[in-house]
C-alpha atoms as a PDB file:
ATOM      1  CA  UNK A   1     -42.116 -32.254  99.919  1.00  0.00           C
ATOM      2  CA  UNK A   2     -41.169 -28.920 101.441  1.00  0.00           C
ATOM      3  CA  UNK A   3     -38.971 -29.204 104.530  1.00  0.00           C
ATOM      4  CA  UNK A   4     -40.048 -26.901 107.339  1.00  0.00           C
ATOM      5  CA  UNK A   5     -37.166 -25.792 109.489  1.00  0.00           C
ATOM      6  CA  UNK A   6     -37.786 -24.830 113.086  1.00  0.00           C
ATOM      7  CA  UNK A   7     -35.572 -22.612 115.160  1.00  0.00           C
ATOM      8  CA  UNK A   8     -34.048 -23.894 118.387  1.00  0.00           C
ATOM      9  CA  UNK A   9     -36.371 -21.530 120.272  1.00  0.00           C
ATOM     10  CA  UNK A  10     -39.445 -23.048 118.624  1.00  0.00           C
ATOM     11  CA  UNK A  11     -38.244 -26.570 119.378  1.00  0.00           C
ATOM     12  CA  UNK A  12     -37.542 -25.633 122.997  1.00  0.00           C
ATOM     13  CA  UNK A  13     -41.060 -24.200 123.341  1.00  0.00           C
ATOM     14  CA  UNK A  14     -42.622 -27.386 121.940  1.00  0.00           C
ATOM     15  CA  UNK A  15     -40.636 -29.515 124.379  1.00  0.00           C
ATOM     16  CA  UNK A  16     -41.465 -27.214 127.282  1.00  0.00           C
ATOM     17  CA  UNK A  17     -45.239 -27.296 126.663  1.00  0.00           C
ATOM     18  CA  UNK A  18     -45.602 -30.985 125.909  1.00  0.00           C
ATOM     19  CA  UNK A  19     -45.653 -33.104 129.118  1.00  0.00           C
ATOM     20  CA  UNK A  20     -42.639 -35.240 129.934  1.00  0.00           C
ATOM     21  CA  UNK A  21     -42.980 -39.001 129.695  1.00  0.00           C
ATOM     22  CA  UNK A  22     -43.122 -39.456 133.467  1.00  0.00           C
ATOM     23  CA  UNK A  23     -46.206 -37.198 133.562  1.00  0.00           C
ATOM     24  CA  UNK A  24     -48.211 -39.411 131.197  1.00  0.00           C
ATOM     25  CA  UNK A  25     -49.952 -42.710 131.835  1.00  0.00           C
ATOM     26  CA  UNK A  26     -49.240 -43.960 128.319  1.00  0.00           C
ATOM     27  CA  UNK A  27     -46.378 -41.865 126.921  1.00  0.00           C
ATOM     28  CA  UNK A  28     -46.079 -43.902 123.706  1.00  0.00           C
ATOM     29  CA  UNK A  29     -49.538 -42.851 122.507  1.00  0.00           C
ATOM     30  CA  UNK A  30     -50.559 -39.509 121.039  1.00  0.00           C
ATOM     31  CA  UNK A  31     -54.124 -38.274 121.664  1.00  0.00           C
ATOM     32  CA  UNK A  32     -56.180 -35.722 119.768  1.00  0.00           C
ATOM     33  CA  UNK A  33     -56.614 -33.722 122.989  1.00  0.00           C
ATOM     34  CA  UNK A  34     -52.840 -33.324 123.209  1.00  0.00           C
ATOM     35  CA  UNK A  35     -53.210 -30.560 120.611  1.00  0.00           C
ATOM     36  CA  UNK A  36     -55.545 -27.594 120.323  1.00  0.00           C
ATOM     37  CA  UNK A  37     -56.434 -28.661 116.786  1.00  0.00           C
ATOM     38  CA  UNK A  38     -57.717 -31.901 118.289  1.00  0.00           C
ATOM     39  CA  UNK A  39     -60.290 -29.966 120.305  1.00  0.00           C
ATOM     40  CA  UNK A  40     -61.471 -28.126 117.206  1.00  0.00           C
ATOM     41  CA  UNK A  41     -61.712 -31.330 115.170  1.00  0.00           C
ATOM     42  CA  UNK A  42     -63.753 -32.944 117.957  1.00  0.00           C
ATOM     43  CA  UNK A  43     -66.052 -29.921 118.021  1.00  0.00           C
ATOM     44  CA  UNK A  44     -66.520 -30.110 114.254  1.00  0.00           C
ATOM     45  CA  UNK A  45     -67.241 -33.831 114.481  1.00  0.00           C
ATOM     46  CA  UNK A  46     -69.929 -33.332 117.142  1.00  0.00           C
ATOM     47  CA  UNK A  47     -71.559 -30.514 115.201  1.00  0.00           C
ATOM     48  CA  UNK A  48     -73.099 -32.632 112.439  1.00  0.00           C
ATOM     49  CA  UNK A  49     -76.857 -32.484 111.764  1.00  0.00           C
ATOM     50  CA  UNK A  50     -78.015 -35.964 110.701  1.00  0.00           C
ATOM     51  CA  UNK A  51     -81.680 -36.956 110.525  1.00  0.00           C
ATOM     52  CA  UNK A  52     -81.006 -40.596 111.379  1.00  0.00           C
ATOM     53  CA  UNK A  53     -77.706 -40.147 113.176  1.00  0.00           C
ATOM     54  CA  UNK A  54     -76.633 -40.988 116.708  1.00  0.00           C
ATOM     55  CA  UNK A  55     -76.483 -38.960 119.915  1.00  0.00           C
ATOM     56  CA  UNK A  56     -77.454 -35.283 119.424  1.00  0.00           C
ATOM     57  CA  UNK A  57     -77.181 -35.290 115.622  1.00  0.00           C
ATOM     58  CA  UNK A  58     -80.968 -35.724 115.040  1.00  0.00           C
ATOM     59  CA  UNK A  59     -81.559 -32.739 117.330  1.00  0.00           C
ATOM     60  CA  UNK A  60     -79.123 -30.667 115.289  1.00  0.00           C
ATOM     61  CA  UNK A  61     -81.032 -31.725 112.179  1.00  0.00           C
ATOM     62  CA  UNK A  62     -84.297 -30.556 113.722  1.00  0.00           C
ATOM     63  CA  UNK A  63     -82.650 -27.279 114.739  1.00  0.00           C
ATOM     64  CA  UNK A  64     -81.885 -26.615 111.072  1.00  0.00           C
ATOM     65  CA  UNK A  65     -85.548 -27.281 110.202  1.00  0.00           C
ATOM     66  CA  UNK A  66     -86.764 -24.973 112.959  1.00  0.00           C
ATOM     67  CA  UNK A  67     -84.374 -22.252 111.796  1.00  0.00           C
ATOM     68  CA  UNK A  68     -85.895 -22.482 108.310  1.00  0.00           C
ATOM     69  CA  UNK A  69     -89.281 -21.920 109.959  1.00  0.00           C
ATOM     70  CA  UNK A  70     -87.847 -18.718 111.504  1.00  0.00           C
ATOM     71  CA  UNK A  71     -88.558 -19.956 115.038  1.00  0.00           C
ATOM     72  CA  UNK A  72     -85.972 -17.798 116.868  1.00  0.00           C
ATOM     73  CA  UNK A  73     -82.856 -18.622 114.878  1.00  0.00           C
ATOM     74  CA  UNK A  74     -80.556 -16.844 117.383  1.00  0.00           C
ATOM     75  CA  UNK A  75     -81.565 -19.118 120.262  1.00  0.00           C
ATOM     76  CA  UNK A  76     -81.433 -22.176 118.038  1.00  0.00           C
ATOM     77  CA  UNK A  77     -77.940 -21.190 117.004  1.00  0.00           C
ATOM     78  CA  UNK A  78     -77.067 -20.970 120.702  1.00  0.00           C
ATOM     79  CA  UNK A  79     -78.191 -24.602 121.135  1.00  0.00           C
ATOM     80  CA  UNK A  80     -76.221 -25.609 118.052  1.00  0.00           C
ATOM     81  CA  UNK A  81     -73.113 -23.899 119.437  1.00  0.00           C
ATOM     82  CA  UNK A  82     -73.224 -24.934 123.083  1.00  0.00           C
ATOM     83  CA  UNK A  83     -74.309 -28.587 122.942  1.00  0.00           C
ATOM     84  CA  UNK A  84     -71.323 -29.747 120.840  1.00  0.00           C
ATOM     85  CA  UNK A  85     -69.050 -27.739 123.137  1.00  0.00           C
ATOM     86  CA  UNK A  86     -70.416 -29.558 126.186  1.00  0.00           C
ATOM     87  CA  UNK A  87     -69.869 -32.915 124.500  1.00  0.00           C
ATOM     88  CA  UNK A  88     -66.221 -32.016 123.860  1.00  0.00           C
ATOM     89  CA  UNK A  89     -65.769 -30.715 127.421  1.00  0.00           C
ATOM     90  CA  UNK A  90     -67.178 -33.972 128.791  1.00  0.00           C
ATOM     91  CA  UNK A  91     -64.715 -35.935 126.672  1.00  0.00           C
ATOM     92  CA  UNK A  92     -61.939 -33.702 127.983  1.00  0.00           C
ATOM     93  CA  UNK A  93     -62.516 -34.437 131.678  1.00  0.00           C
ATOM     94  CA  UNK A  94     -62.574 -38.143 130.867  1.00  0.00           C
ATOM     95  CA  UNK A  95     -59.332 -37.664 128.917  1.00  0.00           C
ATOM     96  CA  UNK A  96     -57.691 -35.876 131.853  1.00  0.00           C
ATOM     97  CA  UNK A  97     -58.261 -38.857 134.144  1.00  0.00           C
ATOM     98  CA  UNK A  98     -56.791 -41.321 131.642  1.00  0.00           C
ATOM     99  CA  UNK A  99     -53.955 -39.284 130.159  1.00  0.00           C
ATOM    100  CA  UNK A 100     -52.029 -37.694 133.014  1.00  0.00           C
ATOM    101  CA  UNK A 101     -50.502 -38.727 136.306  1.00  0.00           C
ATOM    102  CA  UNK A 102     -52.108 -36.252 138.638  1.00  0.00           C
ATOM    103  CA  UNK A 103     -49.387 -36.406 141.268  1.00  0.00           C
ATOM    104  CA  UNK A 104     -47.043 -34.863 138.696  1.00  0.00           C
ATOM    105  CA  UNK A 105     -49.208 -31.742 138.302  1.00  0.00           C
ATOM    106  CA  UNK A 106     -49.818 -29.242 141.072  1.00  0.00           C
ATOM    107  CA  UNK A 107     -53.300 -28.006 140.117  1.00  0.00           C
ATOM    108  CA  UNK A 108     -54.766 -30.593 137.755  1.00  0.00           C
ATOM    109  CA  UNK A 109     -57.471 -31.706 140.194  1.00  0.00           C
ATOM    110  CA  UNK A 110     -58.607 -28.086 140.668  1.00  0.00           C
ATOM    111  CA  UNK A 111     -58.687 -27.577 136.896  1.00  0.00           C
ATOM    112  CA  UNK A 112     -60.735 -30.758 136.507  1.00  0.00           C
ATOM    113  CA  UNK A 113     -63.334 -29.524 139.015  1.00  0.00           C
ATOM    114  CA  UNK A 114     -63.510 -26.120 137.283  1.00  0.00           C
ATOM    115  CA  UNK A 115     -64.205 -27.835 133.970  1.00  0.00           C
ATOM    116  CA  UNK A 116     -66.909 -29.918 135.616  1.00  0.00           C
ATOM    117  CA  UNK A 117     -68.534 -26.832 137.149  1.00  0.00           C
ATOM    118  CA  UNK A 118     -68.547 -25.206 133.698  1.00  0.00           C
ATOM    119  CA  UNK A 119     -70.175 -28.309 132.190  1.00  0.00           C
ATOM    120  CA  UNK A 120     -72.736 -28.507 134.983  1.00  0.00           C
ATOM    121  CA  UNK A 121     -73.865 -24.880 134.868  1.00  0.00           C
ATOM    122  CA  UNK A 122     -73.910 -24.757 131.045  1.00  0.00           C
ATOM    123  CA  UNK A 123     -76.099 -27.853 130.754  1.00  0.00           C
ATOM    124  CA  UNK A 124     -78.463 -26.464 133.392  1.00  0.00           C
ATOM    125  CA  UNK A 125     -78.680 -23.190 131.462  1.00  0.00           C
ATOM    126  CA  UNK A 126     -79.534 -25.207 128.355  1.00  0.00           C
ATOM    127  CA  UNK A 127     -82.324 -26.891 130.326  1.00  0.00           C
ATOM    128  CA  UNK A 128     -83.846 -23.485 131.056  1.00  0.00           C
ATOM    129  CA  UNK A 129     -83.367 -22.172 127.524  1.00  0.00           C
ATOM    130  CA  UNK A 130     -84.877 -25.339 126.049  1.00  0.00           C
ATOM    131  CA  UNK A 131     -87.983 -25.082 128.220  1.00  0.00           C
ATOM    132  CA  UNK A 132     -88.396 -21.366 127.536  1.00  0.00           C
ATOM    133  CA  UNK A 133     -88.089 -21.990 123.814  1.00  0.00           C
ATOM    134  CA  UNK A 134     -90.647 -24.778 124.032  1.00  0.00           C
ATOM    135  CA  UNK A 135     -93.063 -22.604 126.015  1.00  0.00           C
ATOM    136  CA  UNK A 136     -92.769 -19.729 123.556  1.00  0.00           C
ATOM    137  CA  UNK A 137     -93.605 -21.761 120.455  1.00  0.00           C
ATOM    138  CA  UNK A 138     -95.970 -24.354 121.870  1.00  0.00           C
ATOM    139  CA  UNK A 139     -98.310 -22.295 124.038  1.00  0.00           C
ATOM    140  CA  UNK A 140    -101.149 -20.277 122.600  1.00  0.00           C
ATOM    141  CA  UNK A 141    -101.945 -18.494 125.870  1.00  0.00           C
ATOM    142  CA  UNK A 142     -99.948 -16.584 128.436  1.00  0.00           C
ATOM    143  CA  UNK A 143     -97.445 -18.544 130.512  1.00  0.00           C
ATOM    144  CA  UNK A 144     -95.004 -18.018 133.349  1.00  0.00           C
ATOM    145  CA  UNK A 145     -91.471 -18.135 132.013  1.00  0.00           C
ATOM    146  CA  UNK A 146     -89.084 -20.474 133.801  1.00  0.00           C
ATOM    147  CA  UNK A 147     -86.340 -18.312 135.304  1.00  0.00           C
ATOM    148  CA  UNK A 148     -84.903 -20.461 138.101  1.00  0.00           C
ATOM    149  CA  UNK A 149     -83.679 -24.010 137.753  1.00  0.00           C
ATOM    150  CA  UNK A 150     -85.938 -25.255 140.573  1.00  0.00           C
ATOM    151  CA  UNK A 151     -88.944 -23.833 138.673  1.00  0.00           C
ATOM    152  CA  UNK A 152     -88.472 -26.701 136.220  1.00  0.00           C
ATOM    153  CA  UNK A 153     -89.810 -29.065 138.882  1.00  0.00           C
ATOM    154  CA  UNK A 154     -92.951 -26.997 139.328  1.00  0.00           C
ATOM    155  CA  UNK A 155     -93.492 -26.727 135.569  1.00  0.00           C
ATOM    156  CA  UNK A 156     -93.058 -30.463 135.073  1.00  0.00           C
ATOM    157  CA  UNK A 157     -95.383 -31.264 137.958  1.00  0.00           C
ATOM    158  CA  UNK A 158     -98.249 -28.871 137.135  1.00  0.00           C
ATOM    159  CA  UNK A 159     -98.258 -28.344 133.385  1.00  0.00           C
ATOM    160  CA  UNK A 160    -100.499 -30.888 131.592  1.00  0.00           C
ATOM    161  CA  UNK A 161     -98.786 -30.116 128.278  1.00  0.00           C
ATOM    162  CA  UNK A 162     -95.366 -31.311 129.423  1.00  0.00           C
ATOM    163  CA  UNK A 163     -94.737 -34.883 128.148  1.00  0.00           C
ATOM    164  CA  UNK A 164     -95.634 -37.393 130.851  1.00  0.00           C
ATOM    165  CA  UNK A 165     -92.250 -39.126 130.658  1.00  0.00           C
ATOM    166  CA  UNK A 166     -90.576 -35.975 132.004  1.00  0.00           C
ATOM    167  CA  UNK A 167     -92.849 -35.519 135.033  1.00  0.00           C
ATOM    168  CA  UNK A 168     -91.618 -36.128 138.586  1.00  0.00           C
ATOM    169  CA  UNK A 169     -94.599 -38.413 139.273  1.00  0.00           C
ATOM    170  CA  UNK A 170     -92.187 -41.317 139.006  1.00  0.00           C
ATOM    171  CA  UNK A 171     -89.258 -42.268 141.212  1.00  0.00           C
ATOM    172  CA  UNK A 172     -86.497 -41.739 138.644  1.00  0.00           C
ATOM    173  CA  UNK A 173     -87.374 -38.144 137.652  1.00  0.00           C
ATOM    174  CA  UNK A 174     -87.975 -37.227 141.304  1.00  0.00           C
ATOM    175  CA  UNK A 175     -84.538 -38.370 142.411  1.00  0.00           C
ATOM    176  CA  UNK A 176     -82.769 -37.161 139.267  1.00  0.00           C
ATOM    177  CA  UNK A 177     -84.253 -33.639 139.298  1.00  0.00           C
ATOM    178  CA  UNK A 178     -83.524 -33.364 143.029  1.00  0.00           C
ATOM    179  CA  UNK A 179     -79.892 -34.267 142.384  1.00  0.00           C
ATOM    180  CA  UNK A 180     -79.398 -31.981 139.370  1.00  0.00           C
ATOM    181  CA  UNK A 181     -81.172 -29.020 140.954  1.00  0.00           C
ATOM    182  CA  UNK A 182     -79.267 -29.276 144.223  1.00  0.00           C
ATOM    183  CA  UNK A 183     -75.827 -29.595 142.641  1.00  0.00           C
ATOM    184  CA  UNK A 184     -76.500 -26.814 140.148  1.00  0.00           C
ATOM    185  CA  UNK A 185     -77.742 -24.391 142.806  1.00  0.00           C
ATOM    186  CA  UNK A 186     -74.912 -25.220 145.199  1.00  0.00           C
ATOM    187  CA  UNK A 187     -72.363 -24.796 142.407  1.00  0.00           C
ATOM    188  CA  UNK A 188     -73.687 -21.298 141.707  1.00  0.00           C
ATOM    189  CA  UNK A 189     -74.813 -20.107 145.147  1.00  0.00           C
ATOM    190  CA  UNK A 190     -73.363 -22.309 147.902  1.00  0.00           C
ATOM    191  CA  UNK A 191     -70.325 -24.340 146.732  1.00  0.00           C
ATOM    192  CA  UNK A 192     -69.271 -25.182 150.302  1.00  0.00           C
ATOM    193  CA  UNK A 193     -72.069 -27.773 150.450  1.00  0.00           C
ATOM    194  CA  UNK A 194     -70.421 -29.864 147.718  1.00  0.00           C
ATOM    195  CA  UNK A 195     -67.296 -31.850 148.529  1.00  0.00           C
ATOM    196  CA  UNK A 196     -65.046 -33.116 145.749  1.00  0.00           C
ATOM    197  CA  UNK A 197     -62.791 -36.083 146.530  1.00  0.00           C
ATOM    198  CA  UNK A 198     -59.847 -36.857 144.251  1.00  0.00           C
ATOM    199  CA  UNK A 199     -60.276 -40.662 144.677  1.00  0.00           C
ATOM    200  CA  UNK A 200     -57.196 -41.872 142.801  1.00  0.00           C
ATOM    201  CA  UNK A 201     -57.902 -39.782 139.672  1.00  0.00           C
ATOM    202  CA  UNK A 202     -61.601 -40.730 139.623  1.00  0.00           C
ATOM    203  CA  UNK A 203     -63.130 -37.666 141.336  1.00  0.00           C
ATOM    204  CA  UNK A 204     -66.260 -38.100 143.446  1.00  0.00           C
ATOM    205  CA  UNK A 205     -69.027 -35.681 144.393  1.00  0.00           C
ATOM    206  CA  UNK A 206     -69.923 -36.044 148.064  1.00  0.00           C
ATOM    207  CA  UNK A 207     -72.929 -34.280 149.609  1.00  0.00           C
ATOM    208  CA  UNK A 208     -73.687 -34.860 153.273  1.00  0.00           C
ATOM    209  CA  UNK A 209     -77.393 -34.042 153.146  1.00  0.00           C
ATOM    210  CA  UNK A 210     -79.988 -32.647 150.762  1.00  0.00           C
ATOM    211  CA  UNK A 211     -82.385 -30.746 153.002  1.00  0.00           C
ATOM    212  CA  UNK A 212     -86.093 -31.621 153.029  1.00  0.00           C
ATOM    213  CA  UNK A 213     -87.186 -28.481 151.163  1.00  0.00           C
ATOM    214  CA  UNK A 214     -84.713 -29.310 148.381  1.00  0.00           C
ATOM    215  CA  UNK A 215     -86.197 -32.770 147.676  1.00  0.00           C
ATOM    216  CA  UNK A 216     -88.741 -32.791 144.870  1.00  0.00           C
ATOM    217  CA  UNK A 217     -91.474 -34.893 143.326  1.00  0.00           C
ATOM    218  CA  UNK A 218     -92.464 -38.058 145.175  1.00  0.00           C
ATOM    219  CA  UNK A 219     -89.236 -38.235 147.170  1.00  0.00           C
ATOM    220  CA  UNK A 220     -91.012 -38.554 150.534  1.00  0.00           C
ATOM    221  CA  UNK A 221     -93.303 -41.311 149.252  1.00  0.00           C
ATOM    222  CA  UNK A 222     -90.310 -43.142 147.798  1.00  0.00           C
ATOM    223  CA  UNK A 223     -88.345 -42.956 151.048  1.00  0.00           C
ATOM    224  CA  UNK A 224     -91.321 -44.209 153.048  1.00  0.00           C
ATOM    225  CA  UNK A 225     -91.696 -47.174 150.708  1.00  0.00           C
ATOM    226  CA  UNK A 226     -87.977 -47.921 150.956  1.00  0.00           C
ATOM    227  CA  UNK A 227     -88.155 -47.842 154.760  1.00  0.00           C
ATOM    228  CA  UNK A 228     -91.214 -50.137 154.765  1.00  0.00           C
ATOM    229  CA  UNK A 229     -89.070 -52.791 153.076  1.00  0.00           C
ATOM    230  CA  UNK A 230     -86.417 -52.580 155.801  1.00  0.00           C
ATOM    231  CA  UNK A 231     -86.467 -55.581 158.176  1.00  0.00           C
ATOM    232  CA  UNK A 232     -83.352 -54.827 160.212  1.00  0.00           C
ATOM    233  CA  UNK A 233     -82.883 -53.658 163.773  1.00  0.00           C
ATOM    234  CA  UNK A 234     -84.764 -50.523 164.876  1.00  0.00           C
ATOM    235  CA  UNK A 235     -84.144 -48.489 168.020  1.00  0.00           C
ATOM    236  CA  UNK A 236     -86.271 -45.477 169.071  1.00  0.00           C
ATOM    237  CA  UNK A 237     -84.809 -42.051 168.240  1.00  0.00           C
ATOM    238  CA  UNK A 238     -81.856 -43.561 166.383  1.00  0.00           C
ATOM    239  CA  UNK A 239     -80.741 -43.628 162.755  1.00  0.00           C
ATOM    240  CA  UNK A 240     -80.948 -46.510 160.275  1.00  0.00           C
ATOM    241  CA  UNK A 241     -78.563 -46.646 157.297  1.00  0.00           C
ATOM    242  CA  UNK A 242     -80.267 -47.519 154.008  1.00  0.00           C
ATOM    243  CA  UNK A 243     -79.253 -47.777 150.367  1.00  0.00           C
ATOM    244  CA  UNK A 244     -81.136 -48.668 147.197  1.00  0.00           C
ATOM    245  CA  UNK A 245     -79.322 -50.684 144.480  1.00  0.00           C
ATOM    246  CA  UNK A 246     -81.462 -48.930 141.853  1.00  0.00           C
ATOM    247  CA  UNK A 247     -79.891 -45.589 142.848  1.00  0.00           C
ATOM    248  CA  UNK A 248     -76.442 -46.476 144.237  1.00  0.00           C
ATOM    249  CA  UNK A 249     -75.272 -42.853 144.341  1.00  0.00           C
ATOM    250  CA  UNK A 250     -77.833 -42.028 147.070  1.00  0.00           C
ATOM    251  CA  UNK A 251     -77.376 -43.036 150.706  1.00  0.00           C
ATOM    252  CA  UNK A 252     -79.876 -42.533 153.524  1.00  0.00           C
ATOM    253  CA  UNK A 253     -79.744 -42.189 157.292  1.00  0.00           C
ATOM    254  CA  UNK A 254     -83.358 -42.644 158.358  1.00  0.00           C
ATOM    255  CA  UNK A 255     -84.246 -40.915 161.620  1.00  0.00           C
ATOM    256  CA  UNK A 256     -86.631 -42.977 163.758  1.00  0.00           C
ATOM    257  CA  UNK A 257     -89.301 -41.607 166.076  1.00  0.00           C
ATOM    258  CA  UNK A 258     -90.065 -42.921 169.556  1.00  0.00           C
ATOM    259  CA  UNK A 259     -92.352 -45.477 167.901  1.00  0.00           C
ATOM    260  CA  UNK A 260     -89.649 -46.416 165.345  1.00  0.00           C
ATOM    261  CA  UNK A 261     -91.508 -44.719 162.507  1.00  0.00           C
ATOM    262  CA  UNK A 262     -89.743 -42.707 159.814  1.00  0.00           C
ATOM    263  CA  UNK A 263     -89.123 -39.061 160.635  1.00  0.00           C
ATOM    264  CA  UNK A 264     -88.804 -37.659 157.118  1.00  0.00           C
ATOM    265  CA  UNK A 265     -87.935 -34.111 158.143  1.00  0.00           C
ATOM    266  CA  UNK A 266     -84.851 -35.176 160.122  1.00  0.00           C
ATOM    267  CA  UNK A 267     -83.743 -38.025 157.866  1.00  0.00           C
ATOM    268  CA  UNK A 268     -80.503 -37.518 155.944  1.00  0.00           C
ATOM    269  CA  UNK A 269     -80.292 -37.871 152.167  1.00  0.00           C
ATOM    270  CA  UNK A 270     -76.701 -37.933 150.933  1.00  0.00           C
ATOM    271  CA  UNK A 271     -74.915 -38.293 147.606  1.00  0.00           C
ATOM    272  CA  UNK A 272     -71.714 -40.063 146.627  1.00  0.00           C
ATOM    273  CA  UNK A 273     -71.194 -40.229 142.884  1.00  0.00           C
ATOM    274  CA  UNK A 274     -68.435 -40.058 140.304  1.00  0.00           C
ATOM    275  CA  UNK A 275     -68.057 -36.577 138.816  1.00  0.00           C
ATOM    276  CA  UNK A 276     -67.791 -37.897 135.245  1.00  0.00           C
ATOM    277  CA  UNK A 277     -70.765 -40.235 135.722  1.00  0.00           C
ATOM    278  CA  UNK A 278     -72.861 -37.371 137.043  1.00  0.00           C
ATOM    279  CA  UNK A 279     -71.948 -35.066 134.128  1.00  0.00           C
ATOM    280  CA  UNK A 280     -72.618 -37.837 131.605  1.00  0.00           C
ATOM    281  CA  UNK A 281     -76.039 -38.542 133.144  1.00  0.00           C
ATOM    282  CA  UNK A 282     -76.915 -34.836 133.163  1.00  0.00           C
ATOM    283  CA  UNK A 283     -76.038 -34.529 129.474  1.00  0.00           C
ATOM    284  CA  UNK A 284     -78.175 -37.592 128.766  1.00  0.00           C
ATOM    285  CA  UNK A 285     -81.093 -35.897 130.555  1.00  0.00           C
ATOM    286  CA  UNK A 286     -80.658 -32.844 128.330  1.00  0.00           C
ATOM    287  CA  UNK A 287     -80.800 -35.124 125.296  1.00  0.00           C
ATOM    288  CA  UNK A 288     -84.043 -36.773 126.482  1.00  0.00           C
ATOM    289  CA  UNK A 289     -85.547 -33.386 127.340  1.00  0.00           C
ATOM    290  CA  UNK A 290     -84.765 -31.905 123.938  1.00  0.00           C
ATOM    291  CA  UNK A 291     -85.986 -34.980 122.070  1.00  0.00           C
ATOM    292  CA  UNK A 292     -89.303 -35.003 123.955  1.00  0.00           C
ATOM    293  CA  UNK A 293     -89.890 -31.276 123.599  1.00  0.00           C
ATOM    294  CA  UNK A 294     -88.809 -31.177 119.950  1.00  0.00           C
ATOM    295  CA  UNK A 295     -91.206 -34.001 119.083  1.00  0.00           C
ATOM    296  CA  UNK A 296     -94.019 -32.175 120.848  1.00  0.00           C
ATOM    297  CA  UNK A 297     -93.109 -28.909 119.136  1.00  0.00           C
ATOM    298  CA  UNK A 298     -92.936 -30.644 115.772  1.00  0.00           C
ATOM    299  CA  UNK A 299     -96.441 -32.104 116.216  1.00  0.00           C
ATOM    300  CA  UNK A 300     -97.813 -28.620 116.917  1.00  0.00           C
ATOM    301  CA  UNK A 301     -96.482 -27.145 113.643  1.00  0.00           C
ATOM    302  CA  UNK A 302     -96.989 -27.920 110.000  1.00  0.00           C
ATOM    303  CA  UNK A 303     -93.450 -29.028 109.158  1.00  0.00           C
ATOM    304  CA  UNK A 304     -92.442 -32.674 109.003  1.00  0.00           C
ATOM    305  CA  UNK A 305     -89.007 -34.175 109.502  1.00  0.00           C
ATOM    306  CA  UNK A 306     -89.934 -37.842 109.292  1.00  0.00           C
END
């Protein structure tokens, strides 16, 4: 075995860059994310195309098939590059909450939020790219290319070729697409409307109100049905606080009319949700979207991956 000698300067640099014990929640353990090589190994691990594998690996397998069919290999390579990266970045923000003591670092919370914003915008970009790719190779006629994230809602609602499970004709897609669209657009265009709360190293997204014009699908119908089930006290021109255990991250302040009916336009729709939980759910939506669209695309071409 060859002994590698390190200079005092090299040893001092290692000690300076590695956190002190009092900065770590579990200083006796060593994690893969403690080292840059750990990030690269994680990325390699996520980037495995397996036909019958777990998580995104079947999608990577299909990407290889589509590339062989010469269906825009550059864009497919973009999917193959970015999706594993997002998986690693999501693991990293979870790691940050469990590894470090945030009160020992001056800017760790800010770094965490920046990583989240990168994850959020990248996944939303992948939504758009996935739909544009699908439109290009599934349609036989002219189509309007999706350029804005909110256009996804319109495409899902009006296009008969989009798989039914993705349409905002159900409660879940309506509330989910409203949430993802609002947070993405605020992150890019109006970040002051999103509040991030540190919450003892478990950061929370807090949004005071999603305006009426930013609520999509059957949101109004859903809120009316939720209010119909309310049997509590009602006072004219006041607000009623409501929640729904099916969607615990939403909270509602229902504005009542003079006749104690729901005033949808002036009712408040707010969000309080863990940052990591939100990012994990958004990545899961990308997975479902790609699986549905890839299956549809596969059925419209001659190749078979079964």
